[in-house]
Amino acid sequence: MKALHTICLLILTSTIALAQQQVFPGTWKVVDFKMVMEENTNHMDEATLKKEGAVWDLIFGEDGSLTQTSNMRNGQMESWEGRYETEGDKLNLFLTVDGREMQLQYQYEFQEGLLNLKRSNPMGTVHVLTQFKKA
């Protein structure tokens, strides 16, 4: 009985992981960006992002590949290649930047057709909350 319970749990877990992995593939465009710091909050909704010409696209491949394109770091359009993995509610991005692999970990959830990503710096003083819409 214990073995059957374990097998059922493993099947359920792998089914959920596979379902989440299948939702990611495609192009996701930022529609809401919020950076919360100790004494300051920077928030840009979809209208503000469009007005400012801000771009942050995440292109998830079915094979786990990833391309991130953005001009929100320094105003210049940049693009990085890499891969992604999910584990529970964690989304790990592995991007090659200047010849080195950089890992970024986000908490994620899908809600009403949007991909919500949340990330904090190690000290917990800066929080980035973003929403992406599938193109």
N, C-alpha and C. Protein backbone atom coordinates (compact mmCIF):
# COMPACT_ATOMS: atom_id res chain seq x y z
N MET A 1 0.82 -1.19 0.00
CA MET A 1 0.00 0.00 0.00
C MET A 1 0.87 1.26 0.00
N LYS A 2 1.93 1.22 0.79
CA LYS A 2 2.83 2.36 0.87
C LYS A 2 3.50 2.60 -0.49
N ALA A 3 3.88 1.52 -1.17
CA ALA A 3 4.51 1.63 -2.49
C ALA A 3 3.53 2.23 -3.49
N LEU A 4 2.27 1.82 -3.44
CA LEU A 4 1.25 2.36 -4.34
C LEU A 4 1.07 3.85 -4.10
N HIS A 5 1.04 4.26 -2.85
CA HIS A 5 0.91 5.68 -2.50
C HIS A 5 2.08 6.48 -3.06
N THR A 6 3.29 5.94 -2.92
CA THR A 6 4.49 6.62 -3.43
C THR A 6 4.45 6.74 -4.94
N ILE A 7 4.05 5.68 -5.63
CA ILE A 7 3.96 5.70 -7.09
C ILE A 7 2.93 6.73 -7.54
N CYS A 8 1.78 6.76 -6.89
CA CYS A 8 0.74 7.75 -7.25
C CYS A 8 1.25 9.17 -7.05
N LEU A 9 1.97 9.41 -5.96
CA LEU A 9 2.52 10.73 -5.69
C LEU A 9 3.54 11.12 -6.76
N LEU A 10 4.39 10.19 -7.15
CA LEU A 10 5.38 10.47 -8.19
C LEU A 10 4.70 10.78 -9.52
N ILE A 11 3.67 10.03 -9.88
CA ILE A 11 2.95 10.28 -11.13
C ILE A 11 2.29 11.64 -11.09
N LEU A 12 1.65 11.99 -9.98
CA LEU A 12 1.00 13.29 -9.85
C LEU A 12 2.01 14.43 -9.95
N THR A 13 3.14 14.30 -9.27
CA THR A 13 4.17 15.33 -9.30
C THR A 13 4.73 15.50 -10.70
N SER A 14 5.03 14.40 -11.39
CA SER A 14 5.59 14.52 -12.74
C SER A 14 4.56 15.05 -13.72
N THR A 15 3.27 14.72 -13.53
CA THR A 15 2.22 15.24 -14.39
C THR A 15 2.08 16.74 -14.22
N ILE A 16 2.12 17.22 -12.99
CA ILE A 16 2.04 18.66 -12.74
C ILE A 16 3.24 19.37 -13.34
N ALA A 17 4.44 18.83 -13.15
CA ALA A 17 5.65 19.44 -13.72
C ALA A 17 5.58 19.48 -15.23
N LEU A 18 5.11 18.40 -15.85
CA LEU A 18 4.99 18.36 -17.31
C LEU A 18 3.96 19.37 -17.79
N ALA A 19 2.84 19.49 -17.10
CA ALA A 19 1.81 20.46 -17.48
C ALA A 19 2.36 21.88 -17.40
N GLN A 20 3.12 22.19 -16.33
CA GLN A 20 3.69 23.53 -16.21
C GLN A 20 4.71 23.78 -17.30
N GLN A 21 5.53 22.78 -17.62
CA GLN A 21 6.55 22.92 -18.66
C GLN A 21 5.89 23.18 -20.00
N GLN A 22 4.71 22.58 -20.25
CA GLN A 22 4.03 22.76 -21.52
C GLN A 22 3.37 24.13 -21.63
N VAL A 23 3.11 24.80 -20.52
CA VAL A 23 2.50 26.13 -20.55
C VAL A 23 3.53 27.19 -20.92
N PHE A 24 4.78 26.99 -20.54
CA PHE A 24 5.82 27.98 -20.78
C PHE A 24 6.13 28.24 -22.26
N PRO A 25 6.27 27.21 -23.12
CA PRO A 25 6.74 27.47 -24.49
C PRO A 25 5.96 28.57 -25.20
N GLY A 26 6.72 29.45 -25.85
CA GLY A 26 6.16 30.59 -26.56
C GLY A 26 6.83 31.87 -26.11
N THR A 27 6.34 32.97 -26.65
CA THR A 27 6.89 34.29 -26.33
C THR A 27 5.99 34.98 -25.31
N TRP A 28 6.60 35.46 -24.25
CA TRP A 28 5.90 36.18 -23.18
C TRP A 28 6.45 37.61 -23.13
N LYS A 29 5.57 38.60 -23.12
CA LYS A 29 5.95 40.01 -23.10
C LYS A 29 5.54 40.65 -21.78
N VAL A 30 6.44 41.46 -21.23
CA VAL A 30 6.15 42.10 -19.95
C VAL A 30 4.98 43.07 -20.10
N VAL A 31 4.04 43.01 -19.14
CA VAL A 31 2.89 43.92 -19.13
C VAL A 31 2.77 44.68 -17.81
N ASP A 32 3.59 44.30 -16.83
CA ASP A 32 3.58 45.01 -15.56
C ASP A 32 4.93 44.76 -14.88
N PHE A 33 5.53 45.84 -14.39
CA PHE A 33 6.85 45.75 -13.76
C PHE A 33 6.83 46.59 -12.49
N LYS A 34 7.25 45.97 -11.40
CA LYS A 34 7.32 46.70 -10.13
C LYS A 34 8.62 46.33 -9.44
N MET A 35 9.40 47.35 -9.05
CA MET A 35 10.60 47.14 -8.24
C MET A 35 10.37 47.83 -6.92
N VAL A 36 10.38 47.04 -5.85
CA VAL A 36 10.13 47.56 -4.52
C VAL A 36 11.45 47.54 -3.76
N MET A 37 11.87 48.74 -3.32
CA MET A 37 13.08 48.88 -2.51
C MET A 37 12.67 49.43 -1.16
N GLU A 38 13.59 49.49 -0.24
CA GLU A 38 13.26 49.90 1.12
C GLU A 38 12.51 51.22 1.18
N GLU A 39 12.95 52.22 0.42
CA GLU A 39 12.32 53.53 0.52
C GLU A 39 11.71 54.02 -0.78
N ASN A 40 11.65 53.14 -1.80
CA ASN A 40 11.22 53.58 -3.11
C ASN A 40 10.55 52.42 -3.84
N THR A 41 9.50 52.75 -4.58
CA THR A 41 8.84 51.75 -5.43
C THR A 41 8.74 52.32 -6.83
N ASN A 42 9.18 51.54 -7.80
CA ASN A 42 9.07 51.92 -9.21
C ASN A 42 8.07 50.97 -9.85
N HIS A 43 6.95 51.52 -10.33
CA HIS A 43 5.92 50.68 -10.94
C HIS A 43 5.59 51.19 -12.34
N MET A 44 5.58 50.27 -13.29
CA MET A 44 5.17 50.61 -14.65
C MET A 44 4.12 49.59 -15.10
N ASP A 45 2.91 50.10 -15.37
CA ASP A 45 1.87 49.23 -15.89
C ASP A 45 2.03 49.12 -17.41
N GLU A 46 1.13 48.39 -18.05
CA GLU A 46 1.26 48.14 -19.49
C GLU A 46 1.29 49.43 -20.31
N ALA A 47 0.44 50.38 -19.97
CA ALA A 47 0.41 51.65 -20.71
C ALA A 47 1.72 52.41 -20.56
N THR A 48 2.27 52.44 -19.35
CA THR A 48 3.53 53.14 -19.10
C THR A 48 4.68 52.45 -19.82
N LEU A 49 4.71 51.11 -19.78
CA LEU A 49 5.75 50.35 -20.48
C LEU A 49 5.74 50.67 -21.97
N LYS A 50 4.53 50.70 -22.57
CA LYS A 50 4.42 51.02 -24.00
C LYS A 50 4.88 52.45 -24.28
N LYS A 51 4.43 53.39 -23.44
CA LYS A 51 4.80 54.80 -23.62
C LYS A 51 6.31 54.99 -23.54
N GLU A 52 6.96 54.28 -22.63
CA GLU A 52 8.41 54.40 -22.44
C GLU A 52 9.21 53.57 -23.45
N GLY A 53 8.51 52.71 -24.23
CA GLY A 53 9.20 51.85 -25.19
C GLY A 53 9.97 50.73 -24.52
N ALA A 54 9.55 50.35 -23.32
CA ALA A 54 10.24 49.30 -22.57
C ALA A 54 9.91 47.93 -23.14
N VAL A 55 10.93 47.11 -23.28
CA VAL A 55 10.78 45.76 -23.81
C VAL A 55 11.43 44.76 -22.86
N TRP A 56 10.72 43.68 -22.57
CA TRP A 56 11.29 42.54 -21.87
C TRP A 56 10.52 41.33 -22.34
N ASP A 57 11.11 40.57 -23.25
CA ASP A 57 10.49 39.38 -23.81
C ASP A 57 11.23 38.15 -23.33
N LEU A 58 10.48 37.13 -22.98
CA LEU A 58 11.03 35.83 -22.64
C LEU A 58 10.48 34.84 -23.66
N ILE A 59 11.37 34.17 -24.36
CA ILE A 59 10.96 33.19 -25.37
C ILE A 59 11.40 31.81 -24.87
N PHE A 60 10.41 31.03 -24.44
CA PHE A 60 10.66 29.70 -23.90
C PHE A 60 10.47 28.66 -25.00
N GLY A 61 11.47 27.83 -25.22
CA GLY A 61 11.36 26.75 -26.19
C GLY A 61 10.82 25.49 -25.55
N GLU A 62 10.21 24.64 -26.35
CA GLU A 62 9.70 23.36 -25.85
C GLU A 62 10.82 22.46 -25.35
N ASP A 63 12.04 22.69 -25.86
CA ASP A 63 13.20 21.87 -25.49
C ASP A 63 13.94 22.41 -24.26
N GLY A 64 13.37 23.42 -23.58
CA GLY A 64 14.02 24.00 -22.41
C GLY A 64 14.94 25.17 -22.73
N SER A 65 15.02 25.54 -24.02
CA SER A 65 15.85 26.68 -24.41
C SER A 65 15.14 27.98 -24.04
N LEU A 66 15.92 29.04 -23.94
CA LEU A 66 15.38 30.33 -23.52
C LEU A 66 16.13 31.46 -24.23
N THR A 67 15.40 32.47 -24.66
CA THR A 67 15.99 33.72 -25.13
C THR A 67 15.31 34.84 -24.36
N GLN A 68 16.12 35.72 -23.78
CA GLN A 68 15.59 36.90 -23.09
C GLN A 68 16.07 38.12 -23.85
N THR A 69 15.14 38.98 -24.22
CA THR A 69 15.46 40.22 -24.91
C THR A 69 14.86 41.37 -24.12
N SER A 70 15.67 42.40 -23.87
CA SER A 70 15.18 43.51 -23.05
C SER A 70 16.01 44.77 -23.28
N ASN A 71 15.38 45.90 -23.04
CA ASN A 71 16.10 47.18 -23.00
C ASN A 71 15.93 47.85 -21.64
N MET A 72 15.50 47.07 -20.66
CA MET A 72 15.18 47.64 -19.35
C MET A 72 16.36 47.69 -18.40
N ARG A 73 17.49 47.10 -18.78
CA ARG A 73 18.66 47.14 -17.90
C ARG A 73 19.41 48.45 -18.04
N ASN A 74 19.67 48.86 -19.30
CA ASN A 74 20.46 50.07 -19.52
C ASN A 74 19.95 50.93 -20.68
N GLY A 75 18.76 50.64 -21.16
CA GLY A 75 18.19 51.41 -22.26
C GLY A 75 18.56 50.89 -23.64
N GLN A 76 19.55 50.01 -23.72
CA GLN A 76 19.97 49.42 -24.98
C GLN A 76 19.33 48.04 -25.13
N MET A 77 18.90 47.70 -26.35
CA MET A 77 18.31 46.38 -26.57
C MET A 77 19.41 45.33 -26.46
N GLU A 78 19.18 44.35 -25.59
CA GLU A 78 20.13 43.26 -25.36
C GLU A 78 19.38 41.94 -25.46
N SER A 79 20.10 40.90 -25.84
CA SER A 79 19.49 39.58 -25.95
C SER A 79 20.47 38.54 -25.43
N TRP A 80 19.95 37.60 -24.63
CA TRP A 80 20.78 36.55 -24.05
C TRP A 80 20.12 35.20 -24.32
N GLU A 81 20.94 34.22 -24.59
CA GLU A 81 20.48 32.85 -24.82
C GLU A 81 20.73 32.03 -23.56
N GLY A 82 19.98 30.96 -23.42
CA GLY A 82 20.19 30.08 -22.29
C GLY A 82 19.17 28.98 -22.26
N ARG A 83 18.81 28.59 -21.04
CA ARG A 83 17.85 27.51 -20.84
C ARG A 83 17.05 27.81 -19.57
N TYR A 84 15.98 27.05 -19.39
CA TYR A 84 15.17 27.22 -18.19
C TYR A 84 14.76 25.86 -17.64
N GLU A 85 14.50 25.85 -16.34
CA GLU A 85 14.02 24.66 -15.64
C GLU A 85 13.01 25.11 -14.60
N THR A 86 12.05 24.25 -14.31
CA THR A 86 11.10 24.53 -13.24
C THR A 86 11.24 23.44 -12.17
N GLU A 87 10.99 23.86 -10.93
CA GLU A 87 10.97 22.93 -9.81
C GLU A 87 9.99 23.48 -8.81
N GLY A 88 8.84 22.83 -8.70
CA GLY A 88 7.78 23.36 -7.83
C GLY A 88 7.33 24.71 -8.35
N ASP A 89 7.36 25.73 -7.48
CA ASP A 89 6.98 27.08 -7.90
C ASP A 89 8.19 27.93 -8.27
N LYS A 90 9.34 27.29 -8.48
CA LYS A 90 10.58 27.99 -8.84
C LYS A 90 10.84 27.88 -10.34
N LEU A 91 11.21 28.99 -10.95
CA LEU A 91 11.63 29.04 -12.34
C LEU A 91 13.09 29.46 -12.33
N ASN A 92 13.96 28.59 -12.84
CA ASN A 92 15.39 28.90 -12.91
C ASN A 92 15.75 29.22 -14.35
N LEU A 93 16.32 30.41 -14.54
CA LEU A 93 16.81 30.82 -15.84
C LEU A 93 18.33 30.75 -15.81
N PHE A 94 18.92 30.13 -16.81
CA PHE A 94 20.36 30.03 -16.95
C PHE A 94 20.72 30.77 -18.23
N LEU A 95 21.21 31.99 -18.11
CA LEU A 95 21.50 32.85 -19.26
C LEU A 95 23.00 33.02 -19.44
N THR A 96 23.44 33.02 -20.68
CA THR A 96 24.85 33.27 -20.98
C THR A 96 25.02 34.77 -21.20
N VAL A 97 25.75 35.42 -20.31
CA VAL A 97 25.99 36.86 -20.36
C VAL A 97 27.50 37.07 -20.37
N ASP A 98 28.00 37.72 -21.41
CA ASP A 98 29.44 37.97 -21.55
C ASP A 98 30.25 36.68 -21.41
N GLY A 99 29.74 35.60 -22.01
CA GLY A 99 30.48 34.34 -22.02
C GLY A 99 30.38 33.52 -20.75
N ARG A 100 29.62 34.00 -19.77
CA ARG A 100 29.48 33.27 -18.49
C ARG A 100 28.01 32.96 -18.24
N GLU A 101 27.77 31.79 -17.66
CA GLU A 101 26.40 31.43 -17.34
C GLU A 101 25.99 32.08 -16.02
N MET A 102 24.83 32.74 -16.05
CA MET A 102 24.29 33.40 -14.87
C MET A 102 22.94 32.75 -14.56
N GLN A 103 22.73 32.40 -13.31
CA GLN A 103 21.46 31.80 -12.91
C GLN A 103 20.60 32.82 -12.18
N LEU A 104 19.34 32.91 -12.60
CA LEU A 104 18.35 33.74 -11.93
C LEU A 104 17.21 32.84 -11.49
N GLN A 105 16.80 32.97 -10.25
CA GLN A 105 15.69 32.16 -9.76
C GLN A 105 14.51 33.05 -9.42
N TYR A 106 13.35 32.68 -9.94
CA TYR A 106 12.10 33.39 -9.69
C TYR A 106 11.10 32.44 -9.06
N GLN A 107 10.18 32.98 -8.29
CA GLN A 107 8.96 32.28 -7.93
C GLN A 107 8.00 32.59 -9.05
N TYR A 108 7.22 31.60 -9.48
CA TYR A 108 6.28 31.88 -10.56
C TYR A 108 4.92 31.28 -10.27
N GLU A 109 3.93 31.86 -10.96
CA GLU A 109 2.59 31.30 -10.96
C GLU A 109 1.88 31.81 -12.21
N PHE A 110 0.97 31.00 -12.71
CA PHE A 110 0.12 31.40 -13.81
C PHE A 110 -1.22 31.80 -13.21
N GLN A 111 -1.70 32.98 -13.60
CA GLN A 111 -2.95 33.47 -13.04
C GLN A 111 -3.67 34.28 -14.11
N GLU A 112 -4.87 33.84 -14.46
CA GLU A 112 -5.70 34.53 -15.44
C GLU A 112 -4.95 34.81 -16.74
N GLY A 113 -4.22 33.82 -17.23
CA GLY A 113 -3.51 33.95 -18.50
C GLY A 113 -2.20 34.72 -18.43
N LEU A 114 -1.79 35.12 -17.23
CA LEU A 114 -0.55 35.86 -17.06
C LEU A 114 0.48 35.00 -16.34
N LEU A 115 1.74 35.23 -16.65
CA LEU A 115 2.85 34.61 -15.95
C LEU A 115 3.37 35.63 -14.96
N ASN A 116 3.25 35.34 -13.67
CA ASN A 116 3.73 36.23 -12.62
C ASN A 116 5.09 35.73 -12.14
N LEU A 117 6.08 36.61 -12.16
CA LEU A 117 7.42 36.28 -11.68
C LEU A 117 7.79 37.19 -10.53
N LYS A 118 8.42 36.62 -9.51
CA LYS A 118 8.84 37.39 -8.33
C LYS A 118 10.27 36.98 -8.01
N ARG A 119 11.10 37.99 -7.76
CA ARG A 119 12.50 37.74 -7.43
C ARG A 119 12.95 38.78 -6.42
N SER A 120 13.79 38.37 -5.46
CA SER A 120 14.35 39.28 -4.47
C SER A 120 15.86 39.14 -4.45
N ASN A 121 16.55 40.21 -4.09
CA ASN A 121 18.00 40.11 -3.94
C ASN A 121 18.31 39.31 -2.67
N PRO A 122 19.55 38.83 -2.51
CA PRO A 122 19.87 37.98 -1.35
C PRO A 122 19.62 38.63 0.01
N MET A 123 19.75 39.96 0.10
CA MET A 123 19.52 40.63 1.38
C MET A 123 18.04 40.89 1.63
N GLY A 124 17.20 40.69 0.62
CA GLY A 124 15.77 40.92 0.78
C GLY A 124 15.38 42.39 0.78
N THR A 125 16.26 43.25 0.25
CA THR A 125 15.98 44.69 0.25
C THR A 125 15.39 45.18 -1.07
N VAL A 126 15.48 44.37 -2.12
CA VAL A 126 14.93 44.73 -3.43
C VAL A 126 14.09 43.55 -3.92
N HIS A 127 12.85 43.86 -4.32
CA HIS A 127 11.92 42.84 -4.82
C HIS A 127 11.45 43.27 -6.20
N VAL A 128 11.52 42.35 -7.15
CA VAL A 128 11.04 42.62 -8.51
C VAL A 128 9.83 41.73 -8.74
N LEU A 129 8.71 42.36 -9.08
CA LEU A 129 7.45 41.67 -9.35
C LEU A 129 7.05 42.00 -10.77
N THR A 130 6.91 40.99 -11.62
CA THR A 130 6.59 41.24 -13.01
C THR A 130 5.43 40.35 -13.45
N GLN A 131 4.72 40.83 -14.47
CA GLN A 131 3.68 40.04 -15.12
C GLN A 131 3.96 40.03 -16.60
N PHE A 132 3.82 38.86 -17.21
CA PHE A 132 4.03 38.68 -18.64
C PHE A 132 2.76 38.10 -19.26
N LYS A 133 2.49 38.54 -20.49
CA LYS A 133 1.36 38.03 -21.24
C LYS A 133 1.89 37.29 -22.46
N LYS A 134 1.30 36.14 -22.76
CA LYS A 134 1.75 35.36 -23.91
C LYS A 134 1.37 36.08 -25.18
N ALA A 135 2.33 36.22 -26.08
CA ALA A 135 2.11 36.94 -27.35
C ALA A 135 1.33 36.08 -28.33
